[in-house]
Amino acid sequence: MLKWFKRKAVSFGYVKRNDLAETDIKEMHALFSEYYDYADYDIFIQDLGNKDGSLVCRDVKNGRIVAFCNLKLTKLRYKQTTVRALFAGDTVCHRKYWKKNSGRNPLHSAFYYFAFKFWLLHPFSRTFWFLISMSYRTYLLIANNFVDHYPHYRLDNAKTRELKEICHLFAQDMFRDKFNAETGHIDFGHGSF
């Protein structure tokens, strides 16, 4: 059989927070716990409660959740304009599915599809992808997909300074006293991110 006729192994969709079934939340937490330390269920639930919904990827054959990204969709005022952000919170993809759909992580496809749709709904607002970078791999998601990003490993110009201001605005709004504007770090009690 030719490869391009093969049925996709993973399906995805956005599920509003209140529409997530308890069994799905437990399955998401179990997957998250496989890859992250400090994955206490109560903290996971509390964090999920602060989000608007989740991108959920499922194995087509068995319906199991194989990846997800919890999202907060937010807007703030910045210099007399409205700026919007897609905040990617708890995110994980089972390593078995990292290259299932067209050689890429299915969560990437789900996120790009959702982000494009979100942008279409708000074409006259500036929209940003806001995420916490805890490692070089997370940082590379931004650096490899956007020419203009903050933090930038080598550029310090008007654009990166503006992105820093916007990033800090969203971080201050979402994380309050956990955010240190001087360092740009967020401290959840297990070290800074």
C-alpha atoms as a PDB file:
ATOM      1  CA  MET A   1       0.000   0.000   0.000  1.00  0.00           C
ATOM      2  CA  LEU A   2       1.295   3.475  -0.821  1.00  0.00           C
ATOM      3  CA  LYS A   3       2.136   5.587   2.218  1.00  0.00           C
ATOM      4  CA  TRP A   4       0.008   8.623   1.271  1.00  0.00           C
ATOM      5  CA  PHE A   5      -3.180   6.517   1.191  1.00  0.00           C
ATOM      6  CA  LYS A   6      -2.633   5.429   4.763  1.00  0.00           C
ATOM      7  CA  ARG A   7      -5.314   6.640   7.153  1.00  0.00           C
ATOM      8  CA  LYS A   8      -4.164   9.220   9.701  1.00  0.00           C
ATOM      9  CA  ALA A   9      -3.308   7.667  13.045  1.00  0.00           C
ATOM     10  CA  VAL A  10      -4.345  10.653  15.187  1.00  0.00           C
ATOM     11  CA  SER A  11      -7.361  12.955  15.230  1.00  0.00           C
ATOM     12  CA  PHE A  12      -7.550  16.235  17.142  1.00  0.00           C
ATOM     13  CA  GLY A  13      -9.977  18.868  18.309  1.00  0.00           C
ATOM     14  CA  TYR A  14     -10.458  21.727  20.752  1.00  0.00           C
ATOM     15  CA  VAL A  15     -12.587  20.939  23.818  1.00  0.00           C
ATOM     16  CA  LYS A  16     -13.834  23.707  26.113  1.00  0.00           C
ATOM     17  CA  ARG A  17     -12.835  23.240  29.744  1.00  0.00           C
ATOM     18  CA  ASN A  18     -16.395  22.586  30.964  1.00  0.00           C
ATOM     19  CA  ASP A  19     -16.914  19.982  28.227  1.00  0.00           C
ATOM     20  CA  LEU A  20     -13.950  17.810  29.248  1.00  0.00           C
ATOM     21  CA  ALA A  21     -15.174  14.547  30.772  1.00  0.00           C
ATOM     22  CA  GLU A  22     -13.703  13.504  34.138  1.00  0.00           C
ATOM     23  CA  THR A  23     -12.307  10.357  32.500  1.00  0.00           C
ATOM     24  CA  ASP A  24     -10.538  12.509  29.893  1.00  0.00           C
ATOM     25  CA  ILE A  25      -9.030  14.727  32.599  1.00  0.00           C
ATOM     26  CA  LYS A  26      -7.724  11.683  34.476  1.00  0.00           C
ATOM     27  CA  GLU A  27      -6.295  10.271  31.255  1.00  0.00           C
ATOM     28  CA  MET A  28      -4.636  13.623  30.490  1.00  0.00           C
ATOM     29  CA  HIS A  29      -3.108  13.726  33.965  1.00  0.00           C
ATOM     30  CA  ALA A  30      -1.804  10.164  33.669  1.00  0.00           C
ATOM     31  CA  LEU A  31      -0.096  11.052  30.372  1.00  0.00           C
ATOM     32  CA  PHE A  32       1.282  14.286  31.846  1.00  0.00           C
ATOM     33  CA  SER A  33       2.649  12.400  34.874  1.00  0.00           C
ATOM     34  CA  GLU A  34       4.688  10.124  32.601  1.00  0.00           C
ATOM     35  CA  TYR A  35       6.773  13.066  31.393  1.00  0.00           C
ATOM     36  CA  TYR A  36       6.807  15.695  34.163  1.00  0.00           C
ATOM     37  CA  ASP A  37       7.873  15.897  37.794  1.00  0.00           C
ATOM     38  CA  TYR A  38       5.622  17.657  40.315  1.00  0.00           C
ATOM     39  CA  ALA A  39       2.530  16.409  38.466  1.00  0.00           C
ATOM     40  CA  ASP A  40       0.244  16.378  41.503  1.00  0.00           C
ATOM     41  CA  TYR A  41      -3.361  15.745  40.448  1.00  0.00           C
ATOM     42  CA  ASP A  42      -4.820  18.584  42.540  1.00  0.00           C
ATOM     43  CA  ILE A  43      -2.358  21.093  41.069  1.00  0.00           C
ATOM     44  CA  PHE A  44      -3.088  19.764  37.581  1.00  0.00           C
ATOM     45  CA  ILE A  45      -6.843  20.282  38.170  1.00  0.00           C
ATOM     46  CA  GLN A  46      -6.281  23.757  39.605  1.00  0.00           C
ATOM     47  CA  ASP A  47      -4.162  24.738  36.603  1.00  0.00           C
ATOM     48  CA  LEU A  48      -6.682  23.282  34.171  1.00  0.00           C
ATOM     49  CA  GLY A  49      -9.411  25.300  35.907  1.00  0.00           C
ATOM     50  CA  ASN A  50      -7.563  28.479  34.889  1.00  0.00           C
ATOM     51  CA  LYS A  51      -7.629  27.511  31.211  1.00  0.00           C
ATOM     52  CA  ASP A  52     -10.379  27.929  28.617  1.00  0.00           C
ATOM     53  CA  GLY A  53      -9.989  24.518  27.032  1.00  0.00           C
ATOM     54  CA  SER A  54      -7.654  21.908  25.626  1.00  0.00           C
ATOM     55  CA  LEU A  55      -6.409  20.749  22.266  1.00  0.00           C
ATOM     56  CA  VAL A  56      -6.816  16.993  22.540  1.00  0.00           C
ATOM     57  CA  CYS A  57      -5.231  14.447  20.185  1.00  0.00           C
ATOM     58  CA  ARG A  58      -6.583  10.897  20.145  1.00  0.00           C
ATOM     59  CA  ASP A  59      -5.412   7.649  18.597  1.00  0.00           C
ATOM     60  CA  VAL A  60      -7.951   6.926  15.865  1.00  0.00           C
ATOM     61  CA  LYS A  61      -7.929   3.159  16.513  1.00  0.00           C
ATOM     62  CA  ASN A  62      -8.550   3.097  20.257  1.00  0.00           C
ATOM     63  CA  GLY A  63      -9.692   6.642  21.142  1.00  0.00           C
ATOM     64  CA  ARG A  64      -6.966   7.082  23.790  1.00  0.00           C
ATOM     65  CA  ILE A  65      -5.621  10.565  24.441  1.00  0.00           C
ATOM     66  CA  VAL A  66      -2.052  10.639  23.135  1.00  0.00           C
ATOM     67  CA  ALA A  67      -1.361  14.381  23.355  1.00  0.00           C
ATOM     68  CA  PHE A  68      -2.912  17.557  24.665  1.00  0.00           C
ATOM     69  CA  CYS A  69      -2.270  21.236  25.226  1.00  0.00           C
ATOM     70  CA  ASN A  70      -4.274  23.250  27.749  1.00  0.00           C
ATOM     71  CA  LEU A  71      -4.996  26.753  26.431  1.00  0.00           C
ATOM     72  CA  LYS A  72      -5.928  30.098  27.871  1.00  0.00           C
ATOM     73  CA  LEU A  73      -7.242  32.625  25.379  1.00  0.00           C
ATOM     74  CA  THR A  74      -6.739  36.128  26.670  1.00  0.00           C
ATOM     75  CA  LYS A  75      -6.766  39.762  25.611  1.00  0.00           C
ATOM     76  CA  LEU A  76      -5.280  42.873  27.207  1.00  0.00           C
ATOM     77  CA  ARG A  77      -4.781  46.540  26.416  1.00  0.00           C
ATOM     78  CA  TYR A  78      -1.336  47.557  25.217  1.00  0.00           C
ATOM     79  CA  LYS A  79      -0.696  51.161  24.154  1.00  0.00           C
ATOM     80  CA  GLN A  80      -4.329  51.898  23.233  1.00  0.00           C
ATOM     81  CA  THR A  81      -4.759  48.660  21.260  1.00  0.00           C
ATOM     82  CA  THR A  82      -6.065  45.209  22.034  1.00  0.00           C
ATOM     83  CA  VAL A  83      -3.527  42.402  21.978  1.00  0.00           C
ATOM     84  CA  ARG A  84      -4.534  38.753  22.221  1.00  0.00           C
ATOM     85  CA  ALA A  85      -2.574  35.734  23.310  1.00  0.00           C
ATOM     86  CA  LEU A  86      -2.850  31.993  23.036  1.00  0.00           C
ATOM     87  CA  PHE A  87      -1.227  30.772  26.212  1.00  0.00           C
ATOM     88  CA  ALA A  88      -0.085  27.178  25.960  1.00  0.00           C
ATOM     89  CA  GLY A  89      -0.110  25.675  29.456  1.00  0.00           C
ATOM     90  CA  ASP A  90       0.403  22.006  30.332  1.00  0.00           C
ATOM     91  CA  THR A  91       1.398  20.308  27.098  1.00  0.00           C
ATOM     92  CA  VAL A  92       2.544  16.780  26.352  1.00  0.00           C
ATOM     93  CA  CYS A  93       2.671  14.264  23.521  1.00  0.00           C
ATOM     94  CA  HIS A  94       3.386  10.564  24.019  1.00  0.00           C
ATOM     95  CA  ARG A  95       6.731   9.805  22.366  1.00  0.00           C
ATOM     96  CA  LYS A  96       5.164   6.985  20.340  1.00  0.00           C
ATOM     97  CA  TYR A  97       3.207   9.647  18.410  1.00  0.00           C
ATOM     98  CA  TRP A  98       5.914  12.228  17.860  1.00  0.00           C
ATOM     99  CA  LYS A  99       6.018  11.551  14.121  1.00  0.00           C
ATOM    100  CA  LYS A 100       2.721   9.793  13.354  1.00  0.00           C
ATOM    101  CA  ASN A 101       1.072  12.385  11.068  1.00  0.00           C
ATOM    102  CA  SER A 102       3.174  13.407   8.059  1.00  0.00           C
ATOM    103  CA  GLY A 103       6.446  13.179   9.950  1.00  0.00           C
ATOM    104  CA  ARG A 104       5.473  15.686  12.638  1.00  0.00           C
ATOM    105  CA  ASN A 105       4.100  15.687  16.135  1.00  0.00           C
ATOM    106  CA  PRO A 106       0.278  15.642  15.861  1.00  0.00           C
ATOM    107  CA  LEU A 107       0.045  18.310  18.548  1.00  0.00           C
ATOM    108  CA  HIS A 108       1.943  20.706  16.260  1.00  0.00           C
ATOM    109  CA  SER A 109      -0.670  20.227  13.537  1.00  0.00           C
ATOM    110  CA  ALA A 110      -3.492  20.708  16.039  1.00  0.00           C
ATOM    111  CA  PHE A 111      -1.945  23.884  17.448  1.00  0.00           C
ATOM    112  CA  TYR A 112      -1.215  25.459  14.056  1.00  0.00           C
ATOM    113  CA  TYR A 113      -4.755  24.704  12.897  1.00  0.00           C
ATOM    114  CA  PHE A 114      -6.255  26.169  16.080  1.00  0.00           C
ATOM    115  CA  ALA A 115      -3.973  29.249  16.041  1.00  0.00           C
ATOM    116  CA  PHE A 116      -4.865  30.002  12.406  1.00  0.00           C
ATOM    117  CA  LYS A 117      -8.574  29.659  13.170  1.00  0.00           C
ATOM    118  CA  PHE A 118      -8.187  31.909  16.248  1.00  0.00           C
ATOM    119  CA  TRP A 119      -6.390  34.524  14.141  1.00  0.00           C
ATOM    120  CA  LEU A 120      -9.176  34.404  11.519  1.00  0.00           C
ATOM    121  CA  LEU A 121     -11.726  35.157  14.245  1.00  0.00           C
ATOM    122  CA  HIS A 122      -9.729  38.242  15.309  1.00  0.00           C
ATOM    123  CA  PRO A 123      -8.067  39.529  12.116  1.00  0.00           C
ATOM    124  CA  PHE A 124      -7.676  43.136  13.326  1.00  0.00           C
ATOM    125  CA  SER A 125      -6.075  42.344  16.686  1.00  0.00           C
ATOM    126  CA  ARG A 126      -2.427  41.554  17.157  1.00  0.00           C
ATOM    127  CA  THR A 127      -2.218  37.940  18.290  1.00  0.00           C
ATOM    128  CA  PHE A 128       0.697  36.341  20.113  1.00  0.00           C
ATOM    129  CA  TRP A 129       1.689  32.844  21.157  1.00  0.00           C
ATOM    130  CA  PHE A 130       2.644  32.998  24.815  1.00  0.00           C
ATOM    131  CA  LEU A 131       4.255  30.010  26.469  1.00  0.00           C
ATOM    132  CA  ILE A 132       6.574  29.248  29.318  1.00  0.00           C
ATOM    133  CA  SER A 133       9.931  27.963  28.159  1.00  0.00           C
ATOM    134  CA  MET A 134      11.453  25.463  30.574  1.00  0.00           C
ATOM    135  CA  SER A 135      14.052  23.999  28.235  1.00  0.00           C
ATOM    136  CA  TYR A 136      15.862  24.570  24.978  1.00  0.00           C
ATOM    137  CA  ARG A 137      13.333  22.310  23.204  1.00  0.00           C
ATOM    138  CA  THR A 138      10.443  24.567  24.227  1.00  0.00           C
ATOM    139  CA  TYR A 139      12.442  27.656  23.284  1.00  0.00           C
ATOM    140  CA  LEU A 140      13.206  26.163  19.862  1.00  0.00           C
ATOM    141  CA  LEU A 141       9.462  25.834  19.147  1.00  0.00           C
ATOM    142  CA  ILE A 142       9.300  29.623  19.178  1.00  0.00           C
ATOM    143  CA  ALA A 143      12.720  30.331  17.659  1.00  0.00           C
ATOM    144  CA  ASN A 144      12.215  27.912  14.744  1.00  0.00           C
ATOM    145  CA  ASN A 145       8.685  29.097  13.910  1.00  0.00           C
ATOM    146  CA  PHE A 146       8.890  32.875  14.336  1.00  0.00           C
ATOM    147  CA  VAL A 147      11.532  35.312  13.128  1.00  0.00           C
ATOM    148  CA  ASP A 148      10.462  37.839  15.757  1.00  0.00           C
ATOM    149  CA  HIS A 149      10.306  36.359  19.240  1.00  0.00           C
ATOM    150  CA  TYR A 150      11.219  37.069  22.818  1.00  0.00           C
ATOM    151  CA  PRO A 151      13.476  36.159  24.423  1.00  0.00           C
ATOM    152  CA  HIS A 152      15.763  36.238  21.425  1.00  0.00           C
ATOM    153  CA  TYR A 153      19.189  34.638  21.771  1.00  0.00           C
ATOM    154  CA  ARG A 154      21.003  37.429  19.919  1.00  0.00           C
ATOM    155  CA  LEU A 155      18.715  40.298  18.878  1.00  0.00           C
ATOM    156  CA  ASP A 156      18.009  43.327  21.022  1.00  0.00           C
ATOM    157  CA  ASN A 157      16.133  45.801  18.860  1.00  0.00           C
ATOM    158  CA  ALA A 158      12.875  47.777  18.950  1.00  0.00           C
ATOM    159  CA  LYS A 159      10.839  44.719  17.938  1.00  0.00           C
ATOM    160  CA  THR A 160      12.260  42.391  20.602  1.00  0.00           C
ATOM    161  CA  ARG A 161      11.902  45.143  23.237  1.00  0.00           C
ATOM    162  CA  GLU A 162       8.226  45.550  22.291  1.00  0.00           C
ATOM    163  CA  LEU A 163       7.729  41.767  22.445  1.00  0.00           C
ATOM    164  CA  LYS A 164       9.357  41.786  25.878  1.00  0.00           C
ATOM    165  CA  GLU A 165       6.882  44.441  27.078  1.00  0.00           C
ATOM    166  CA  ILE A 166       3.929  42.450  25.723  1.00  0.00           C
ATOM    167  CA  CYS A 167       5.272  39.185  27.147  1.00  0.00           C
ATOM    168  CA  HIS A 168       5.723  40.786  30.562  1.00  0.00           C
ATOM    169  CA  LEU A 169       2.224  42.303  30.357  1.00  0.00           C
ATOM    170  CA  PHE A 170       0.671  38.852  29.828  1.00  0.00           C
ATOM    171  CA  ALA A 171       2.929  37.220  32.431  1.00  0.00           C
ATOM    172  CA  GLN A 172       2.057  39.863  35.035  1.00  0.00           C
ATOM    173  CA  ASP A 173      -1.656  39.461  34.306  1.00  0.00           C
ATOM    174  CA  MET A 174      -1.619  35.671  34.509  1.00  0.00           C
ATOM    175  CA  PHE A 175       0.964  34.963  37.195  1.00  0.00           C
ATOM    176  CA  ARG A 176       0.840  38.084  39.406  1.00  0.00           C
ATOM    177  CA  ASP A 177       3.335  37.781  42.294  1.00  0.00           C
ATOM    178  CA  LYS A 178       4.885  34.605  40.870  1.00  0.00           C
ATOM    179  CA  PHE A 179       6.306  36.658  37.978  1.00  0.00           C
ATOM    180  CA  ASN A 180       9.560  38.572  38.464  1.00  0.00           C
ATOM    181  CA  ALA A 181       9.685  41.366  35.871  1.00  0.00           C
ATOM    182  CA  GLU A 182      13.408  41.981  36.448  1.00  0.00           C
ATOM    183  CA  THR A 183      14.455  38.429  35.576  1.00  0.00           C
ATOM    184  CA  GLY A 184      11.505  37.489  33.362  1.00  0.00           C
ATOM    185  CA  HIS A 185      11.126  34.284  35.402  1.00  0.00           C
ATOM    186  CA  ILE A 186       8.045  32.700  36.917  1.00  0.00           C
ATOM    187  CA  ASP A 187       8.527  30.867  40.193  1.00  0.00           C
ATOM    188  CA  PHE A 188       5.933  28.223  41.074  1.00  0.00           C
ATOM    189  CA  GLY A 189       7.871  27.040  44.114  1.00  0.00           C
ATOM    190  CA  HIS A 190       9.906  24.326  42.331  1.00  0.00           C
ATOM    191  CA  GLY A 191      12.459  26.709  40.859  1.00  0.00           C
ATOM    192  CA  SER A 192      12.130  29.377  38.214  1.00  0.00           C
ATOM    193  CA  PHE A 193      10.871  28.981  34.663  1.00  0.00           C
END
